[in-house]
């Protein structure tokens, strides 16, 4: 069952969809998942597919629009400040925890692209969160990503443009905009033909309230989003699943893996997706259109996301057995029994998840026991 809801964040109304599993008893509570979209996207842009899958698996699910986007309040429209959106996540958790059907001790968060980075930050600093899923986290380390993809001359041009915008805002208060996406070769915040095609199609078909604009100031703030080096070690011991794309034009996997490498033991589960062609995903028809994208990644714009709702429901269900984080920690003074070394005993980092046709290139994923066949996170 889905109903329209809203909650306050810094005095502004955030719009959301609240999904509640059918068949809950009068006094029964369920674990919950809080989720939001990536850069500029709105909740209608295919994320209900995930929310519905989570709800069928028994989770109350809150899917929301950030302030300044979609059906939520806030001016100027199209303002995308990462720290504002992180605040919205925490306020969504607060509101969701107070709902009568939600077990406030079992809250998980999910994010993709820009929100994939947000949930890593929230998971590090908001310990009400008991499980985190981050899909192709983007935006963090934006300076390095932009420099790697465009070179120093383009970065210098962007900085000069942002300086002029800042001077104009100071002198006149004018708000300047840039398109989020545009046809290949034209200026845009997400310079990807695939991004342009997806945003354009979903705006026409399911999300007419998505607006193809972002404030210039948002890009200035984006360049200041750090690489999460301070946050990643503090997510532990909360269970964490990171989904990366091996061939991603906008979010290089080398930079994304740096975040994974900074995580403190117990190590997060890591899932890497192989690239698939746009023509292949388009040939799958409705299956592709029903899947939520990871912005900028072919592998998560289309085919690879096809296994996610079921696998992620299994991952989130893993934390139902963890009412708090204490079980993830060994007692003080505990020593591992003698035996094979950790290196020898370790389960391989990637356990293949095969599709029906046995195509090993589709995905490699390491998940908790009961969610795909790898080691139990509490045993690491």
Protein backbone atom coordinates (compact mmCIF):
# COMPACT_ATOMS: atom_id res chain seq x y z
CA UNK A 1 0.00 0.00 0.00
CA UNK A 2 1.39 3.39 -1.01
CA UNK A 3 0.30 6.80 0.19
CA UNK A 4 1.55 10.32 -0.36
CA UNK A 5 3.27 11.82 2.69
CA UNK A 6 5.37 14.81 3.63
CA UNK A 7 7.81 15.69 6.39
CA UNK A 8 9.64 18.85 7.39
CA UNK A 9 13.31 19.46 6.75
CA UNK A 10 14.66 22.82 7.91
CA UNK A 11 11.13 24.22 7.80
CA UNK A 12 10.35 23.08 4.24
CA UNK A 13 8.05 20.24 3.25
CA UNK A 14 9.67 17.23 1.61
CA UNK A 15 7.28 15.14 -0.46
CA UNK A 16 7.41 11.36 -0.32
CA UNK A 17 5.76 8.03 -0.97
CA UNK A 18 5.33 5.74 2.04
CA UNK A 19 4.93 2.04 1.25
CA UNK A 20 3.61 -0.30 3.96
CA UNK A 21 3.58 -4.10 3.55
CA UNK A 22 0.19 -5.74 3.46
CA UNK A 23 -0.88 -8.03 6.26
CA UNK A 24 0.84 -6.33 9.20
CA UNK A 25 -1.01 -6.90 12.46
CA UNK A 26 -2.53 -4.04 14.42
CA UNK A 27 0.45 -3.87 16.79
CA UNK A 28 3.07 -5.25 14.40
CA UNK A 29 6.06 -3.16 13.33
CA UNK A 30 8.40 -3.78 10.40
CA UNK A 31 11.95 -2.74 9.51
CA UNK A 32 12.16 0.28 7.20
CA UNK A 33 14.22 1.53 4.27
CA UNK A 34 14.69 5.23 3.50
CA UNK A 35 15.68 6.07 -0.08
CA UNK A 36 16.05 8.98 -2.50
CA UNK A 37 17.33 9.54 -6.02
CA UNK A 38 20.57 10.79 -7.54
CA UNK A 39 21.63 14.10 -9.04
CA UNK A 40 18.53 16.20 -9.90
CA UNK A 41 16.25 13.16 -10.33
CA UNK A 42 12.82 12.91 -8.70
CA UNK A 43 11.18 10.02 -6.89
CA UNK A 44 8.89 9.11 -9.79
CA UNK A 45 11.83 8.32 -12.07
CA UNK A 46 11.68 4.54 -11.71
CA UNK A 47 12.56 4.30 -8.02
CA UNK A 48 9.06 3.02 -7.15
CA UNK A 49 10.23 -0.26 -8.73
CA UNK A 50 12.74 -0.72 -5.91
CA UNK A 51 10.40 0.58 -3.23
CA UNK A 52 7.69 -1.86 -4.27
CA UNK A 53 10.16 -4.76 -4.25
CA UNK A 54 11.37 -3.85 -0.77
CA UNK A 55 7.79 -3.59 0.45
CA UNK A 56 6.88 -6.99 -0.94
CA UNK A 57 9.85 -8.33 1.03
CA UNK A 58 8.32 -6.96 4.24
CA UNK A 59 9.90 -3.52 4.63
CA UNK A 60 8.17 -0.22 5.20
CA UNK A 61 9.77 2.01 2.56
CA UNK A 62 10.00 5.81 2.46
CA UNK A 63 10.92 7.26 -0.93
CA UNK A 64 11.24 11.06 -0.99
CA UNK A 65 12.20 14.15 -2.99
CA UNK A 66 14.84 16.48 -1.60
CA UNK A 67 14.07 20.11 -0.92
CA UNK A 68 14.19 22.29 -4.07
CA UNK A 69 13.36 19.31 -6.33
CA UNK A 70 10.29 17.44 -7.53
CA UNK A 71 7.16 17.86 -5.42
CA UNK A 72 9.07 19.19 -2.40
CA UNK A 73 9.20 22.83 -1.35
CA UNK A 74 12.15 25.18 -1.64
CA UNK A 75 13.48 28.06 -3.74
CA UNK A 76 15.41 28.42 -5.94
CA UNK A 77 14.32 25.35 -7.81
CA UNK A 78 17.06 23.04 -8.94
CA UNK A 79 19.32 23.85 -6.00
CA UNK A 80 21.37 20.74 -5.23
CA UNK A 81 23.64 21.17 -2.20
CA UNK A 82 25.01 17.87 -0.96
CA UNK A 83 24.92 18.86 2.70
CA UNK A 84 21.26 19.92 2.39
CA UNK A 85 20.38 16.55 0.89
CA UNK A 86 22.23 14.69 3.64
CA UNK A 87 20.19 16.71 6.14
CA UNK A 88 17.03 15.66 4.29
CA UNK A 89 18.03 12.00 4.64
CA UNK A 90 18.46 12.32 8.40
CA UNK A 91 15.16 14.18 8.75
CA UNK A 92 13.46 11.48 6.65
CA UNK A 93 14.86 8.88 9.08
CA UNK A 94 13.52 10.87 12.03
CA UNK A 95 10.05 11.14 10.50
CA UNK A 96 10.01 7.53 9.34
CA UNK A 97 11.11 6.23 12.74
CA UNK A 98 8.05 7.84 14.33
CA UNK A 99 5.57 6.07 12.05
CA UNK A 100 3.37 3.52 13.85
CA UNK A 101 4.31 0.59 11.59
CA UNK A 102 8.08 1.21 11.69
CA UNK A 103 10.51 -0.50 14.02
CA UNK A 104 12.83 2.43 14.74
CA UNK A 105 15.63 0.06 15.76
CA UNK A 106 15.79 -1.41 12.25
CA UNK A 107 16.29 1.39 9.71
CA UNK A 108 18.25 0.89 6.49
CA UNK A 109 19.14 3.45 3.79
CA UNK A 110 19.62 3.10 0.03
CA UNK A 111 21.07 5.54 -2.48
CA UNK A 112 22.22 5.67 -6.10
CA UNK A 113 24.78 7.96 -7.75
CA UNK A 114 24.74 11.26 -5.82
CA UNK A 115 22.56 9.74 -3.12
CA UNK A 116 24.85 6.71 -3.15
CA UNK A 117 27.47 9.05 -1.70
CA UNK A 118 24.98 10.65 0.68
CA UNK A 119 24.08 7.34 2.31
CA UNK A 120 27.76 6.61 2.98
CA UNK A 121 28.02 9.91 4.84
CA UNK A 122 24.75 9.33 6.71
CA UNK A 123 25.77 5.78 7.58
CA UNK A 124 28.99 7.08 9.11
CA UNK A 125 27.43 9.81 11.24
CA UNK A 126 23.83 8.75 11.96
CA UNK A 127 24.01 5.55 13.96
CA UNK A 128 20.26 5.05 13.91
CA UNK A 129 21.04 3.47 10.54
CA UNK A 130 21.52 -0.31 10.77
CA UNK A 131 22.31 -1.11 7.10
CA UNK A 132 23.55 0.88 4.08
CA UNK A 133 23.38 0.19 0.33
CA UNK A 134 25.32 2.54 -1.95
CA UNK A 135 24.98 2.09 -5.72
CA UNK A 136 27.59 3.75 -8.00
CA UNK A 137 28.21 6.56 -5.53
CA UNK A 138 28.99 9.76 -7.41
CA UNK A 139 29.79 13.38 -6.71
CA UNK A 140 32.38 12.80 -4.00
CA UNK A 141 35.88 13.70 -5.08
CA UNK A 142 34.30 15.67 -7.93
CA UNK A 143 37.46 17.65 -8.56
CA UNK A 144 39.42 14.47 -9.22
CA UNK A 145 36.62 13.01 -11.36
CA UNK A 146 36.28 16.17 -13.43
CA UNK A 147 40.03 16.48 -13.86
CA UNK A 148 40.39 12.85 -14.87
CA UNK A 149 37.58 13.06 -17.38
CA UNK A 150 38.12 16.51 -18.86
CA UNK A 151 41.65 17.71 -18.16
CA UNK A 152 43.10 20.79 -16.45
CA UNK A 153 42.07 23.29 -19.14
CA UNK A 154 38.38 22.36 -18.81
CA UNK A 155 38.64 22.56 -15.02
CA UNK A 156 40.13 26.04 -15.29
CA UNK A 157 37.29 27.12 -17.58
CA UNK A 158 34.69 25.73 -15.16
CA UNK A 159 36.25 27.51 -12.21
CA UNK A 160 36.30 30.80 -14.11
CA UNK A 161 32.62 30.35 -14.98
CA UNK A 162 31.73 29.60 -11.35
CA UNK A 163 33.70 32.65 -10.19
CA UNK A 164 31.69 34.89 -12.50
CA UNK A 165 28.48 33.34 -11.23
CA UNK A 166 29.52 33.97 -7.62
CA UNK A 167 30.29 37.63 -8.38
CA UNK A 168 26.92 38.00 -10.08
CA UNK A 169 25.07 36.45 -7.13
CA UNK A 170 26.86 38.76 -4.74
CA UNK A 171 26.14 41.90 -6.77
CA UNK A 172 22.61 41.25 -8.01
CA UNK A 173 21.30 38.09 -6.33
CA UNK A 174 20.71 36.55 -9.77
CA UNK A 175 20.37 32.77 -9.94
CA UNK A 176 21.97 31.24 -13.03
CA UNK A 177 21.28 27.79 -14.38
CA UNK A 178 22.90 25.07 -16.46
CA UNK A 179 21.06 22.13 -18.06
CA UNK A 180 21.40 18.88 -16.15
CA UNK A 181 21.66 16.98 -19.44
CA UNK A 182 21.93 17.95 -23.08
CA UNK A 183 22.62 16.29 -26.43
CA UNK A 184 26.20 15.17 -26.80
CA UNK A 185 28.58 18.05 -27.32
CA UNK A 186 26.44 20.67 -25.59
CA UNK A 187 27.15 22.08 -22.09
CA UNK A 188 25.50 20.15 -19.26
CA UNK A 189 26.13 19.12 -15.68
CA UNK A 190 25.97 15.46 -16.75
CA UNK A 191 27.66 15.38 -20.17
CA UNK A 192 26.46 11.96 -21.26
CA UNK A 193 24.25 11.04 -24.20
CA UNK A 194 22.92 8.10 -22.22
CA UNK A 195 21.96 10.37 -19.33
CA UNK A 196 20.26 12.76 -21.75
CA UNK A 197 18.27 9.93 -23.35
CA UNK A 198 17.15 8.51 -19.98
CA UNK A 199 16.14 11.82 -18.42
CA UNK A 200 14.33 12.92 -21.57
CA UNK A 201 12.40 9.65 -21.88
CA UNK A 202 11.39 9.45 -18.21
CA UNK A 203 10.33 13.09 -18.20
CA UNK A 204 8.00 12.39 -21.12
CA UNK A 205 6.56 9.18 -19.74
CA UNK A 206 6.55 9.05 -15.94
CA UNK A 207 8.09 12.19 -14.40
CA UNK A 208 6.83 15.39 -16.03
CA UNK A 209 7.78 17.29 -12.87
CA UNK A 210 11.50 16.69 -13.48
CA UNK A 211 13.09 19.95 -14.66
CA UNK A 212 16.25 19.98 -16.75
CA UNK A 213 18.12 22.64 -14.82
CA UNK A 214 20.53 22.97 -11.93
CA UNK A 215 21.80 26.17 -10.34
CA UNK A 216 25.39 27.13 -11.08
CA UNK A 217 25.96 27.44 -7.35
CA UNK A 218 25.11 23.75 -7.04
CA UNK A 219 28.11 22.93 -9.22
CA UNK A 220 30.31 25.06 -6.99
CA UNK A 221 29.12 23.07 -3.99
CA UNK A 222 29.57 19.81 -5.89
CA UNK A 223 33.27 20.53 -6.37
CA UNK A 224 33.58 20.86 -2.60
CA UNK A 225 32.11 17.40 -1.87
CA UNK A 226 35.11 15.58 -0.44
CA UNK A 227 36.18 12.01 -1.10
CA UNK A 228 34.57 10.59 2.07
CA UNK A 229 38.01 9.68 3.43
CA UNK A 230 36.92 10.91 6.85
CA UNK A 231 33.53 9.21 6.77
CA UNK A 232 34.24 5.74 5.38
CA UNK A 233 36.14 4.33 8.38
CA UNK A 234 33.24 5.27 10.68
CA UNK A 235 30.49 3.37 8.86
CA UNK A 236 31.75 0.15 10.47
CA UNK A 237 30.38 -1.91 12.10
CA UNK A 238 27.14 -1.10 10.26
CA UNK A 239 26.56 -3.59 7.39
CA UNK A 240 27.40 -1.93 4.06
CA UNK A 241 26.89 -3.06 0.47
CA UNK A 242 28.66 -1.04 -2.24
CA UNK A 243 27.67 -1.53 -5.89
CA UNK A 244 30.17 -0.17 -8.42
CA UNK A 245 30.20 -0.08 -12.22
CA UNK A 246 33.34 -1.35 -13.89
CA UNK A 247 32.95 0.78 -17.02
CA UNK A 248 31.38 4.06 -15.99
CA UNK A 249 31.91 7.19 -18.06
CA UNK A 250 31.04 9.64 -15.28
CA UNK A 251 32.12 7.82 -12.11
CA UNK A 252 35.50 6.10 -12.72
CA UNK A 253 35.65 2.85 -10.80
CA UNK A 254 39.23 3.54 -9.69
CA UNK A 255 38.04 6.57 -7.73
CA UNK A 256 34.96 4.74 -6.45
CA UNK A 257 37.10 1.88 -5.15
CA UNK A 258 39.14 4.32 -3.08
CA UNK A 259 36.09 4.80 -0.87
CA UNK A 260 35.77 1.05 -0.47
CA UNK A 261 39.44 0.74 0.44
CA UNK A 262 39.02 3.31 3.21
CA UNK A 263 36.30 1.35 4.96
CA UNK A 264 37.30 -0.13 8.29
CA UNK A 265 36.83 -3.82 9.13
CA UNK A 266 34.49 -5.58 8.97
CA UNK A 267 34.85 -4.89 5.25
CA UNK A 268 31.75 -3.88 3.31
CA UNK A 269 30.31 -6.22 0.74
CA UNK A 270 31.41 -5.17 -2.72
CA UNK A 271 29.49 -5.72 -5.93
CA UNK A 272 31.03 -4.77 -9.30
CA UNK A 273 28.93 -4.70 -12.44
CA UNK A 274 30.26 -5.37 -15.93
CA UNK A 275 29.32 -2.98 -18.73
CA UNK A 276 26.38 -3.68 -21.00
CA UNK A 277 25.54 -1.93 -24.23
CA UNK A 278 22.62 0.46 -24.52
CA UNK A 279 21.33 -1.49 -27.50
CA UNK A 280 21.28 -4.68 -25.42
CA UNK A 281 19.26 -3.11 -22.61
CA UNK A 282 16.89 -1.45 -25.05
CA UNK A 283 16.21 -4.79 -26.69
CA UNK A 284 14.86 -6.03 -23.36
CA UNK A 285 11.94 -3.65 -23.70
CA UNK A 286 9.82 -3.08 -20.58
CA UNK A 287 12.39 -4.80 -18.39
CA UNK A 288 14.84 -1.97 -18.94
CA UNK A 289 12.28 0.77 -18.49
CA UNK A 290 11.21 -0.61 -15.14
CA UNK A 291 14.65 -0.30 -13.58
CA UNK A 292 16.10 2.64 -11.67
CA UNK A 293 19.34 4.13 -12.98
CA UNK A 294 22.67 4.79 -11.41
CA UNK A 295 23.39 8.13 -13.04
CA UNK A 296 26.13 7.98 -15.64
CA UNK A 297 26.63 4.21 -15.65
CA UNK A 298 25.60 1.97 -18.52
CA UNK A 299 25.71 -1.03 -16.26
CA UNK A 300 23.24 0.45 -13.78
CA UNK A 301 21.15 2.44 -16.22
CA UNK A 302 19.97 -0.83 -17.64
CA UNK A 303 20.63 -4.51 -17.44
CA UNK A 304 22.70 -4.99 -14.32
CA UNK A 305 20.08 -3.38 -12.09
CA UNK A 306 17.71 -6.20 -13.04
CA UNK A 307 18.94 -8.37 -10.17
CA UNK A 308 19.05 -5.63 -7.56
CA UNK A 309 15.60 -5.49 -5.90
CA UNK A 310 15.63 -9.17 -4.91
CA UNK A 311 19.32 -9.22 -3.92
CA UNK A 312 19.05 -5.98 -1.99
CA UNK A 313 15.94 -7.13 -0.15
CA UNK A 314 18.00 -10.12 1.00
CA UNK A 315 20.82 -7.84 2.10
CA UNK A 316 18.50 -5.57 4.05
CA UNK A 317 16.79 -8.58 5.64
CA UNK A 318 20.19 -9.58 7.01
CA UNK A 319 20.08 -6.66 9.44
CA UNK A 320 16.71 -7.71 10.86
CA UNK A 321 18.70 -10.07 13.07
CA UNK A 322 20.86 -7.18 14.30
CA UNK A 323 18.76 -4.99 16.63
CA UNK A 324 21.86 -2.94 17.29
CA UNK A 325 25.42 -2.74 16.08
CA UNK A 326 26.91 -4.55 19.09
CA UNK A 327 26.71 -7.95 17.44
CA UNK A 328 29.09 -6.75 14.73
CA UNK A 329 31.85 -6.25 17.30
CA UNK A 330 33.95 -8.84 19.04
CA UNK A 331 34.10 -8.60 22.85
CA UNK A 332 37.02 -6.64 24.16
CA UNK A 333 40.03 -8.87 24.62
CA UNK A 334 38.61 -11.55 22.34
CA UNK A 335 41.20 -13.44 20.29
CA UNK A 336 40.61 -15.51 17.21
CA UNK A 337 41.24 -19.23 17.72
CA UNK A 338 44.42 -20.55 16.11
CA UNK A 339 44.00 -22.08 12.70
CA UNK A 340 44.35 -21.05 9.09
CA UNK A 341 45.42 -17.46 8.52
CA UNK A 342 42.78 -14.86 7.68
CA UNK A 343 44.24 -14.68 4.19
CA UNK A 344 43.88 -18.45 3.70
CA UNK A 345 40.44 -18.64 5.30
CA UNK A 346 38.97 -15.62 3.59
CA UNK A 347 36.06 -16.15 1.26
CA UNK A 348 36.96 -14.82 -2.21
CA UNK A 349 36.02 -11.16 -2.56
CA UNK A 350 33.75 -11.82 -5.50
CA UNK A 351 31.26 -14.64 -5.62
CA UNK A 352 29.71 -14.90 -9.06
CA UNK A 353 26.00 -14.22 -9.38
CA UNK A 354 24.94 -15.90 -12.56
CA UNK A 355 21.85 -15.08 -14.55
CA UNK A 356 19.67 -17.75 -16.08
CA UNK A 357 21.90 -17.98 -19.12
CA UNK A 358 25.04 -18.42 -17.05
CA UNK A 359 26.68 -15.19 -18.27
CA UNK A 360 29.49 -14.52 -15.81
CA UNK A 361 30.13 -11.04 -17.22
CA UNK A 362 26.85 -9.77 -15.85
CA UNK A 363 27.87 -9.30 -12.25
CA UNK A 364 30.18 -10.24 -9.42
CA UNK A 365 28.86 -9.67 -5.94
CA UNK A 366 29.78 -10.38 -2.39
CA UNK A 367 26.75 -10.49 -0.11
CA UNK A 368 25.98 -11.62 3.42
CA UNK A 369 24.96 -15.20 4.06
CA UNK A 370 21.38 -15.66 2.99
CA UNK A 371 21.67 -12.84 0.44
CA UNK A 372 23.70 -14.46 -2.29
CA UNK A 373 25.97 -17.03 -0.73
CA UNK A 374 29.04 -15.35 0.78
CA UNK A 375 30.25 -15.19 4.36
CA UNK A 376 28.11 -13.85 7.17
CA UNK A 377 29.13 -10.27 7.90
CA UNK A 378 29.12 -10.95 11.62
CA UNK A 379 31.86 -13.57 11.13
CA UNK A 380 34.38 -11.23 9.54
